[in-house]
Amino acid sequence: MEKEDKVITIIRKSRKAFIIEYACSFVLVVLLIATYVKGIRLPALFNFLILGIAAFALISAELSRALTWYKITESKVIIIKGIVQQVKKNVHFLPLGYIPEINTRQGRMQRLLNIGTIFVHGSAQNSFEIKDINEPQQVLALIEQLIDENRSKQNDGNKIKQK
């Protein structure tokens, strides 16, 4: 039985990544309220359609956040997808110690909102991305630190075996 790692952090997509969906929902609801206050009567079907679109935008944003999350432990990143039926992928830092490319991507708006995506490229089994998260530079630094620590542990273990 494997020893359970200490969870350092749990990361989900940032709500800031869905600012357009939230803004559209807000504008649609405000427009409906404004028409009601001004005494403009719209057909009931039209009101339900607009409310449905607003609700769909909010629900899709929240579902997207809930469906994928990341646990960072001392020795691996666990990528969890799904709510009821979950798929978990463990990416251990030890093999990641030999990955040539770990980087972030931020667009202009993402940089203003301090959100971004971290890409880890290596072998097919060890490549992954952590999308639309808050403070990607700090998470990147944490992953790099954990990779270095695990690499050091392996090197120390190899030195002991050689003696």
N, C-alpha and C. Protein backbone atom coordinates (compact mmCIF):
# COMPACT_ATOMS: atom_id res chain seq x y z
N MET A 1 0.84 -1.19 0.00
CA MET A 1 0.00 0.00 0.00
C MET A 1 0.88 1.24 0.00
N GLU A 2 0.54 2.19 -0.85
CA GLU A 2 1.34 3.39 -1.03
C GLU A 2 0.99 4.43 0.03
N LYS A 3 2.01 5.14 0.50
CA LYS A 3 1.81 6.20 1.48
C LYS A 3 1.10 7.38 0.81
N GLU A 4 0.09 7.93 1.47
CA GLU A 4 -0.68 9.04 0.92
C GLU A 4 0.12 10.34 1.05
N ASP A 5 0.23 11.06 -0.06
CA ASP A 5 0.94 12.34 -0.07
C ASP A 5 0.13 13.43 0.60
N LYS A 6 0.83 14.38 1.14
CA LYS A 6 0.18 15.56 1.71
C LYS A 6 -0.26 16.47 0.55
N VAL A 7 -1.53 16.88 0.56
CA VAL A 7 -2.05 17.77 -0.48
C VAL A 7 -1.58 19.18 -0.18
N ILE A 8 -0.87 19.77 -1.13
CA ILE A 8 -0.36 21.13 -0.96
C ILE A 8 -1.42 22.15 -1.34
N THR A 9 -2.06 21.92 -2.47
CA THR A 9 -3.11 22.85 -2.91
C THR A 9 -4.07 22.14 -3.86
N ILE A 10 -5.28 22.66 -3.92
CA ILE A 10 -6.29 22.20 -4.88
C ILE A 10 -6.63 23.40 -5.75
N ILE A 11 -6.61 23.19 -7.06
CA ILE A 11 -6.80 24.30 -8.00
C ILE A 11 -7.99 24.00 -8.90
N ARG A 12 -8.82 25.00 -9.10
CA ARG A 12 -9.92 24.94 -10.06
C ARG A 12 -9.78 26.11 -11.02
N LYS A 13 -10.53 26.05 -12.12
CA LYS A 13 -10.54 27.17 -13.04
C LYS A 13 -11.04 28.41 -12.29
N SER A 14 -10.51 29.55 -12.65
CA SER A 14 -10.89 30.80 -12.02
C SER A 14 -12.24 31.28 -12.56
N ARG A 15 -13.03 31.88 -11.71
CA ARG A 15 -14.29 32.48 -12.16
C ARG A 15 -14.00 33.65 -13.10
N LYS A 16 -12.83 34.26 -12.95
CA LYS A 16 -12.46 35.37 -13.84
C LYS A 16 -12.35 34.92 -15.28
N ALA A 17 -12.10 33.64 -15.52
CA ALA A 17 -12.00 33.12 -16.88
C ALA A 17 -13.37 33.11 -17.57
N PHE A 18 -14.43 33.21 -16.80
CA PHE A 18 -15.78 33.17 -17.34
C PHE A 18 -16.47 34.53 -17.20
N ILE A 19 -15.71 35.59 -17.20
CA ILE A 19 -16.26 36.93 -16.99
C ILE A 19 -17.27 37.29 -18.07
N ILE A 20 -17.08 36.85 -19.29
CA ILE A 20 -18.02 37.15 -20.38
C ILE A 20 -19.36 36.48 -20.11
N GLU A 21 -19.34 35.21 -19.69
CA GLU A 21 -20.59 34.51 -19.40
C GLU A 21 -21.35 35.18 -18.26
N TYR A 22 -20.62 35.55 -17.20
CA TYR A 22 -21.27 36.20 -16.07
C TYR A 22 -21.82 37.57 -16.48
N ALA A 23 -21.06 38.32 -17.26
CA ALA A 23 -21.50 39.64 -17.70
C ALA A 23 -22.74 39.54 -18.59
N CYS A 24 -22.76 38.58 -19.50
CA CYS A 24 -23.94 38.41 -20.38
C CYS A 24 -25.18 38.07 -19.56
N SER A 25 -25.03 37.17 -18.61
CA SER A 25 -26.16 36.82 -17.75
C SER A 25 -26.67 38.03 -17.00
N PHE A 26 -25.76 38.79 -16.45
CA PHE A 26 -26.12 39.99 -15.68
C PHE A 26 -26.85 41.00 -16.57
N VAL A 27 -26.32 41.25 -17.76
CA VAL A 27 -26.93 42.23 -18.67
C VAL A 27 -28.33 41.77 -19.09
N LEU A 28 -28.50 40.48 -19.39
CA LEU A 28 -29.82 39.99 -19.79
C LEU A 28 -30.84 40.14 -18.66
N VAL A 29 -30.45 39.83 -17.45
CA VAL A 29 -31.37 39.96 -16.31
C VAL A 29 -31.69 41.43 -16.06
N VAL A 30 -30.69 42.30 -16.14
CA VAL A 30 -30.92 43.74 -15.95
C VAL A 30 -31.87 44.28 -17.02
N LEU A 31 -31.69 43.84 -18.27
CA LEU A 31 -32.59 44.28 -19.33
C LEU A 31 -34.02 43.84 -19.08
N LEU A 32 -34.20 42.61 -18.61
CA LEU A 32 -35.55 42.14 -18.29
C LEU A 32 -36.17 42.97 -17.16
N ILE A 33 -35.38 43.24 -16.14
CA ILE A 33 -35.88 44.04 -15.01
C ILE A 33 -36.22 45.45 -15.48
N ALA A 34 -35.36 46.03 -16.34
CA ALA A 34 -35.61 47.38 -16.85
C ALA A 34 -36.89 47.45 -17.67
N THR A 35 -37.14 46.45 -18.50
CA THR A 35 -38.38 46.46 -19.29
C THR A 35 -39.60 46.33 -18.38
N TYR A 36 -39.48 45.55 -17.33
CA TYR A 36 -40.59 45.39 -16.39
C TYR A 36 -40.86 46.70 -15.64
N VAL A 37 -39.78 47.36 -15.17
CA VAL A 37 -39.92 48.61 -14.42
C VAL A 37 -40.49 49.71 -15.30
N LYS A 38 -40.08 49.77 -16.56
CA LYS A 38 -40.56 50.80 -17.50
C LYS A 38 -41.98 50.52 -17.99
N GLY A 39 -42.49 49.35 -17.65
CA GLY A 39 -43.85 49.03 -18.04
C GLY A 39 -43.96 48.43 -19.43
N ILE A 40 -42.83 48.04 -19.98
CA ILE A 40 -42.84 47.41 -21.30
C ILE A 40 -43.16 45.93 -21.11
N ARG A 41 -44.23 45.49 -21.69
CA ARG A 41 -44.65 44.10 -21.52
C ARG A 41 -44.18 43.27 -22.72
N LEU A 42 -43.33 42.32 -22.44
CA LEU A 42 -42.85 41.42 -23.48
C LEU A 42 -43.63 40.11 -23.39
N PRO A 43 -43.73 39.38 -24.48
CA PRO A 43 -44.41 38.08 -24.42
C PRO A 43 -43.72 37.17 -23.39
N ALA A 44 -44.52 36.39 -22.69
CA ALA A 44 -43.99 35.51 -21.63
C ALA A 44 -42.95 34.56 -22.18
N LEU A 45 -43.14 34.06 -23.38
CA LEU A 45 -42.18 33.14 -23.99
C LEU A 45 -40.82 33.82 -24.18
N PHE A 46 -40.85 35.09 -24.57
CA PHE A 46 -39.62 35.86 -24.75
C PHE A 46 -38.90 36.05 -23.42
N ASN A 47 -39.67 36.34 -22.36
CA ASN A 47 -39.07 36.48 -21.02
C ASN A 47 -38.40 35.19 -20.58
N PHE A 48 -39.10 34.06 -20.77
CA PHE A 48 -38.52 32.77 -20.39
C PHE A 48 -37.28 32.43 -21.22
N LEU A 49 -37.31 32.79 -22.49
CA LEU A 49 -36.16 32.54 -23.35
C LEU A 49 -34.93 33.32 -22.87
N ILE A 50 -35.13 34.57 -22.55
CA ILE A 50 -34.01 35.40 -22.07
C ILE A 50 -33.51 34.88 -20.72
N LEU A 51 -34.42 34.55 -19.81
CA LEU A 51 -34.00 33.99 -18.52
C LEU A 51 -33.28 32.65 -18.71
N GLY A 52 -33.74 31.85 -19.65
CA GLY A 52 -33.10 30.57 -19.93
C GLY A 52 -31.68 30.74 -20.45
N ILE A 53 -31.50 31.71 -21.34
CA ILE A 53 -30.15 31.98 -21.86
C ILE A 53 -29.23 32.45 -20.74
N ALA A 54 -29.75 33.35 -19.88
CA ALA A 54 -28.94 33.84 -18.76
C ALA A 54 -28.57 32.69 -17.81
N ALA A 55 -29.54 31.84 -17.51
CA ALA A 55 -29.28 30.71 -16.62
C ALA A 55 -28.30 29.73 -17.26
N PHE A 56 -28.45 29.48 -18.56
CA PHE A 56 -27.54 28.58 -19.27
C PHE A 56 -26.10 29.08 -19.20
N ALA A 57 -25.91 30.38 -19.39
CA ALA A 57 -24.56 30.95 -19.34
C ALA A 57 -23.94 30.74 -17.96
N LEU A 58 -24.72 31.00 -16.91
CA LEU A 58 -24.20 30.82 -15.54
C LEU A 58 -23.93 29.35 -15.23
N ILE A 59 -24.85 28.49 -15.58
CA ILE A 59 -24.71 27.06 -15.28
C ILE A 59 -23.54 26.46 -16.05
N SER A 60 -23.37 26.84 -17.32
CA SER A 60 -22.27 26.28 -18.10
C SER A 60 -20.92 26.72 -17.53
N ALA A 61 -20.82 27.95 -17.07
CA ALA A 61 -19.57 28.43 -16.46
C ALA A 61 -19.27 27.65 -15.18
N GLU A 62 -20.26 27.49 -14.34
CA GLU A 62 -20.04 26.79 -13.07
C GLU A 62 -19.77 25.30 -13.28
N LEU A 63 -20.45 24.69 -14.26
CA LEU A 63 -20.19 23.27 -14.56
C LEU A 63 -18.77 23.08 -15.07
N SER A 64 -18.32 23.99 -15.91
CA SER A 64 -16.96 23.90 -16.42
C SER A 64 -15.95 23.97 -15.28
N ARG A 65 -16.22 24.81 -14.31
CA ARG A 65 -15.33 24.90 -13.14
C ARG A 65 -15.38 23.63 -12.30
N ALA A 66 -16.57 23.05 -12.17
CA ALA A 66 -16.73 21.89 -11.30
C ALA A 66 -16.22 20.59 -11.93
N LEU A 67 -16.17 20.53 -13.24
CA LEU A 67 -15.84 19.28 -13.91
C LEU A 67 -14.35 18.93 -13.89
N THR A 68 -13.48 19.92 -13.80
CA THR A 68 -12.04 19.64 -13.81
C THR A 68 -11.38 20.39 -12.67
N TRP A 69 -10.59 19.66 -11.90
CA TRP A 69 -9.80 20.28 -10.84
C TRP A 69 -8.50 19.53 -10.66
N TYR A 70 -7.57 20.17 -10.00
CA TYR A 70 -6.21 19.67 -9.89
C TYR A 70 -5.78 19.67 -8.43
N LYS A 71 -5.22 18.54 -7.98
CA LYS A 71 -4.62 18.45 -6.65
C LYS A 71 -3.12 18.40 -6.84
N ILE A 72 -2.42 19.26 -6.15
CA ILE A 72 -0.95 19.21 -6.19
C ILE A 72 -0.49 18.68 -4.84
N THR A 73 0.22 17.55 -4.87
CA THR A 73 0.75 16.94 -3.66
C THR A 73 2.26 17.07 -3.68
N GLU A 74 2.91 16.48 -2.70
CA GLU A 74 4.36 16.57 -2.61
C GLU A 74 5.07 15.84 -3.74
N SER A 75 4.43 14.82 -4.32
CA SER A 75 5.13 14.04 -5.33
C SER A 75 4.43 13.94 -6.69
N LYS A 76 3.23 14.55 -6.82
CA LYS A 76 2.52 14.43 -8.09
C LYS A 76 1.43 15.48 -8.23
N VAL A 77 0.94 15.61 -9.46
CA VAL A 77 -0.25 16.39 -9.77
C VAL A 77 -1.34 15.38 -10.12
N ILE A 78 -2.49 15.52 -9.48
CA ILE A 78 -3.62 14.64 -9.76
C ILE A 78 -4.66 15.47 -10.50
N ILE A 79 -4.97 15.05 -11.72
CA ILE A 79 -5.95 15.73 -12.55
C ILE A 79 -7.25 14.95 -12.44
N ILE A 80 -8.29 15.60 -11.94
CA ILE A 80 -9.57 14.94 -11.71
C ILE A 80 -10.61 15.58 -12.62
N LYS A 81 -11.25 14.75 -13.43
CA LYS A 81 -12.29 15.23 -14.34
C LYS A 81 -13.58 14.50 -14.04
N GLY A 82 -14.67 15.25 -13.94
CA GLY A 82 -15.98 14.66 -13.71
C GLY A 82 -16.50 14.96 -12.32
N ILE A 83 -17.79 14.76 -12.16
CA ILE A 83 -18.42 14.97 -10.85
C ILE A 83 -18.90 13.62 -10.33
N VAL A 84 -19.83 12.99 -11.03
CA VAL A 84 -20.36 11.71 -10.59
C VAL A 84 -19.40 10.59 -10.97
N GLN A 85 -19.07 10.51 -12.24
CA GLN A 85 -18.09 9.52 -12.70
C GLN A 85 -16.78 10.27 -12.91
N GLN A 86 -15.80 9.99 -12.06
CA GLN A 86 -14.54 10.72 -12.12
C GLN A 86 -13.45 9.91 -12.81
N VAL A 87 -12.62 10.63 -13.54
CA VAL A 87 -11.42 10.07 -14.15
C VAL A 87 -10.24 10.80 -13.52
N LYS A 88 -9.31 10.04 -12.95
CA LYS A 88 -8.15 10.64 -12.30
C LYS A 88 -6.89 10.26 -13.05
N LYS A 89 -6.02 11.24 -13.24
CA LYS A 89 -4.73 11.00 -13.87
C LYS A 89 -3.66 11.49 -12.91
N ASN A 90 -2.75 10.61 -12.55
CA ASN A 90 -1.64 10.97 -11.67
C ASN A 90 -0.41 11.24 -12.53
N VAL A 91 0.18 12.42 -12.34
CA VAL A 91 1.42 12.75 -13.04
C VAL A 91 2.47 12.98 -11.95
N HIS A 92 3.40 12.04 -11.84
CA HIS A 92 4.42 12.10 -10.80
C HIS A 92 5.52 13.06 -11.18
N PHE A 93 6.06 13.76 -10.18
CA PHE A 93 7.10 14.75 -10.43
C PHE A 93 8.43 14.11 -10.81
N LEU A 94 8.67 12.89 -10.37
CA LEU A 94 9.95 12.25 -10.66
C LEU A 94 10.18 12.15 -12.17
N PRO A 95 9.25 11.59 -12.96
CA PRO A 95 9.48 11.60 -14.41
C PRO A 95 9.45 13.02 -14.98
N LEU A 96 8.72 13.93 -14.33
CA LEU A 96 8.66 15.30 -14.83
C LEU A 96 10.01 16.01 -14.67
N GLY A 97 10.87 15.49 -13.82
CA GLY A 97 12.19 16.09 -13.63
C GLY A 97 12.99 16.13 -14.91
N TYR A 98 12.62 15.32 -15.88
CA TYR A 98 13.37 15.27 -17.14
C TYR A 98 12.60 15.89 -18.29
N ILE A 99 11.56 16.65 -17.98
CA ILE A 99 10.75 17.30 -19.01
C ILE A 99 11.44 18.59 -19.45
N PRO A 100 11.56 18.77 -20.75
CA PRO A 100 12.27 19.96 -21.23
C PRO A 100 11.45 21.24 -21.21
N GLU A 101 10.12 21.15 -21.11
CA GLU A 101 9.33 22.37 -21.27
C GLU A 101 8.17 22.46 -20.27
N ILE A 102 8.23 23.49 -19.44
CA ILE A 102 7.13 23.83 -18.53
C ILE A 102 6.96 25.34 -18.66
N ASN A 103 5.78 25.79 -19.09
CA ASN A 103 5.60 27.22 -19.29
C ASN A 103 4.15 27.64 -19.07
N THR A 104 3.93 28.95 -19.12
CA THR A 104 2.58 29.50 -18.97
C THR A 104 2.21 30.29 -20.22
N ARG A 105 0.91 30.47 -20.40
CA ARG A 105 0.42 31.32 -21.47
C ARG A 105 -0.65 32.24 -20.88
N GLN A 106 -0.52 33.51 -21.19
CA GLN A 106 -1.51 34.50 -20.77
C GLN A 106 -1.75 35.47 -21.91
N GLY A 107 -3.01 35.68 -22.26
CA GLY A 107 -3.36 36.72 -23.22
C GLY A 107 -3.36 38.06 -22.51
N ARG A 108 -3.64 39.11 -23.25
CA ARG A 108 -3.64 40.47 -22.65
C ARG A 108 -4.66 40.58 -21.52
N MET A 109 -5.89 40.14 -21.82
CA MET A 109 -6.94 40.23 -20.81
C MET A 109 -6.63 39.33 -19.63
N GLN A 110 -6.11 38.13 -19.90
CA GLN A 110 -5.76 37.21 -18.82
C GLN A 110 -4.67 37.81 -17.93
N ARG A 111 -3.73 38.51 -18.54
CA ARG A 111 -2.66 39.13 -17.75
C ARG A 111 -3.23 40.20 -16.82
N LEU A 112 -4.19 40.98 -17.33
CA LEU A 112 -4.84 42.00 -16.49
C LEU A 112 -5.60 41.36 -15.33
N LEU A 113 -6.23 40.21 -15.59
CA LEU A 113 -7.02 39.52 -14.56
C LEU A 113 -6.17 38.56 -13.72
N ASN A 114 -4.89 38.41 -14.07
CA ASN A 114 -3.94 37.51 -13.39
C ASN A 114 -4.42 36.06 -13.41
N ILE A 115 -4.84 35.61 -14.61
CA ILE A 115 -5.17 34.21 -14.83
C ILE A 115 -4.37 33.71 -16.03
N GLY A 116 -4.26 32.40 -16.17
CA GLY A 116 -3.52 31.85 -17.30
C GLY A 116 -3.55 30.34 -17.28
N THR A 117 -2.80 29.75 -18.22
CA THR A 117 -2.73 28.31 -18.38
C THR A 117 -1.28 27.87 -18.26
N ILE A 118 -1.06 26.77 -17.53
CA ILE A 118 0.27 26.18 -17.41
C ILE A 118 0.32 24.95 -18.31
N PHE A 119 1.36 24.88 -19.13
CA PHE A 119 1.57 23.74 -20.03
C PHE A 119 2.80 22.98 -19.57
N VAL A 120 2.66 21.67 -19.45
CA VAL A 120 3.78 20.79 -19.13
C VAL A 120 3.88 19.80 -20.28
N HIS A 121 4.97 19.90 -21.05
CA HIS A 121 5.15 19.03 -22.22
C HIS A 121 6.28 18.06 -21.96
N GLY A 122 6.00 16.81 -22.14
CA GLY A 122 6.99 15.76 -21.98
C GLY A 122 6.58 14.57 -22.80
N SER A 123 6.71 13.41 -22.23
CA SER A 123 6.24 12.21 -22.93
C SER A 123 4.72 12.27 -23.00
N ALA A 124 4.14 11.44 -23.84
CA ALA A 124 2.67 11.47 -24.04
C ALA A 124 1.91 11.26 -22.74
N GLN A 125 2.43 10.39 -21.84
CA GLN A 125 1.73 10.11 -20.59
C GLN A 125 1.87 11.26 -19.59
N ASN A 126 2.92 12.04 -19.70
CA ASN A 126 3.20 13.07 -18.70
C ASN A 126 2.94 14.49 -19.18
N SER A 127 2.27 14.67 -20.30
CA SER A 127 1.92 16.01 -20.77
C SER A 127 0.53 16.37 -20.25
N PHE A 128 0.41 17.59 -19.80
CA PHE A 128 -0.90 18.06 -19.34
C PHE A 128 -0.91 19.58 -19.30
N GLU A 129 -2.10 20.14 -19.11
CA GLU A 129 -2.22 21.58 -18.94
C GLU A 129 -3.20 21.86 -17.80
N ILE A 130 -2.91 22.94 -17.12
CA ILE A 130 -3.79 23.42 -16.04
C ILE A 130 -4.35 24.74 -16.55
N LYS A 131 -5.64 24.72 -16.95
CA LYS A 131 -6.24 25.83 -17.68
C LYS A 131 -6.90 26.86 -16.77
N ASP A 132 -6.76 28.13 -17.20
CA ASP A 132 -7.53 29.25 -16.65
C ASP A 132 -7.50 29.32 -15.13
N ILE A 133 -6.30 29.35 -14.56
CA ILE A 133 -6.18 29.38 -13.10
C ILE A 133 -5.69 30.75 -12.64
N ASN A 134 -6.00 31.07 -11.39
CA ASN A 134 -5.48 32.29 -10.78
C ASN A 134 -3.99 32.15 -10.52
N GLU A 135 -3.27 33.24 -10.65
CA GLU A 135 -1.85 33.33 -10.33
C GLU A 135 -1.02 32.19 -10.93
N PRO A 136 -1.01 32.06 -12.26
CA PRO A 136 -0.30 30.94 -12.88
C PRO A 136 1.21 30.96 -12.62
N GLN A 137 1.80 32.13 -12.45
CA GLN A 137 3.24 32.19 -12.21
C GLN A 137 3.60 31.55 -10.87
N GLN A 138 2.76 31.75 -9.85
CA GLN A 138 3.02 31.14 -8.55
C GLN A 138 2.85 29.63 -8.61
N VAL A 139 1.83 29.16 -9.33
CA VAL A 139 1.61 27.71 -9.46
C VAL A 139 2.77 27.09 -10.24
N LEU A 140 3.22 27.77 -11.29
CA LEU A 140 4.37 27.29 -12.07
C LEU A 140 5.60 27.17 -11.18
N ALA A 141 5.85 28.19 -10.37
CA ALA A 141 7.01 28.15 -9.45
C ALA A 141 6.87 27.00 -8.46
N LEU A 142 5.66 26.75 -7.96
CA LEU A 142 5.43 25.65 -7.03
C LEU A 142 5.73 24.30 -7.70
N ILE A 143 5.24 24.11 -8.92
CA ILE A 143 5.48 22.86 -9.64
C ILE A 143 6.98 22.67 -9.89
N GLU A 144 7.66 23.73 -10.32
CA GLU A 144 9.11 23.63 -10.55
C GLU A 144 9.85 23.29 -9.27
N GLN A 145 9.44 23.89 -8.16
CA GLN A 145 10.08 23.61 -6.86
C GLN A 145 9.88 22.14 -6.48
N LEU A 146 8.67 21.63 -6.64
CA LEU A 146 8.38 20.24 -6.29
C LEU A 146 9.13 19.27 -7.21
N ILE A 147 9.26 19.61 -8.49
CA ILE A 147 10.05 18.77 -9.40
C ILE A 147 11.50 18.72 -8.93
N ASP A 148 12.06 19.88 -8.58
CA ASP A 148 13.45 19.93 -8.10
C ASP A 148 13.62 19.13 -6.81
N GLU A 149 12.67 19.25 -5.88
CA GLU A 149 12.76 18.50 -4.62
C GLU A 149 12.72 16.99 -4.87
N ASN A 150 11.84 16.55 -5.76
CA ASN A 150 11.74 15.12 -6.06
C ASN A 150 12.98 14.63 -6.80
N ARG A 151 13.55 15.47 -7.66
CA ARG A 151 14.79 15.11 -8.35
C ARG A 151 15.92 14.96 -7.34
N SER A 152 15.98 15.86 -6.36
CA SER A 152 17.01 15.78 -5.32
C SER A 152 16.87 14.51 -4.49
N LYS A 153 15.61 14.16 -4.15
CA LYS A 153 15.37 12.94 -3.38
C LYS A 153 15.84 11.71 -4.15
N GLN A 154 15.58 11.70 -5.47
CA GLN A 154 16.00 10.56 -6.28
C GLN A 154 17.53 10.50 -6.35
N ASN A 155 18.16 11.65 -6.54
CA ASN A 155 19.63 11.67 -6.60
C ASN A 155 20.24 11.22 -5.28
N ASP A 156 19.66 11.64 -4.15
CA ASP A 156 20.15 11.21 -2.84
C ASP A 156 19.97 9.71 -2.68
N GLY A 157 18.84 9.18 -3.15
CA GLY A 157 18.58 7.74 -3.07
C GLY A 157 19.55 6.95 -3.92
N ASN A 158 19.90 7.50 -5.10
CA ASN A 158 20.86 6.81 -5.97
C ASN A 158 22.26 6.80 -5.36
N LYS A 159 22.63 7.90 -4.68
CA LYS A 159 23.94 7.98 -4.05
C LYS A 159 24.05 6.95 -2.92
N ILE A 160 22.97 6.77 -2.16
CA ILE A 160 22.98 5.81 -1.06
C ILE A 160 23.08 4.40 -1.62
N LYS A 161 22.39 4.09 -2.72
CA LYS A 161 22.44 2.77 -3.32
C LYS A 161 23.83 2.46 -3.86
N GLN A 162 24.53 3.47 -4.37
CA GLN A 162 25.86 3.26 -4.94
C GLN A 162 26.91 2.97 -3.88
N LYS A 163 26.69 3.45 -2.67
CA LYS A 163 27.66 3.24 -1.59
C LYS A 163 27.56 1.87 -1.10
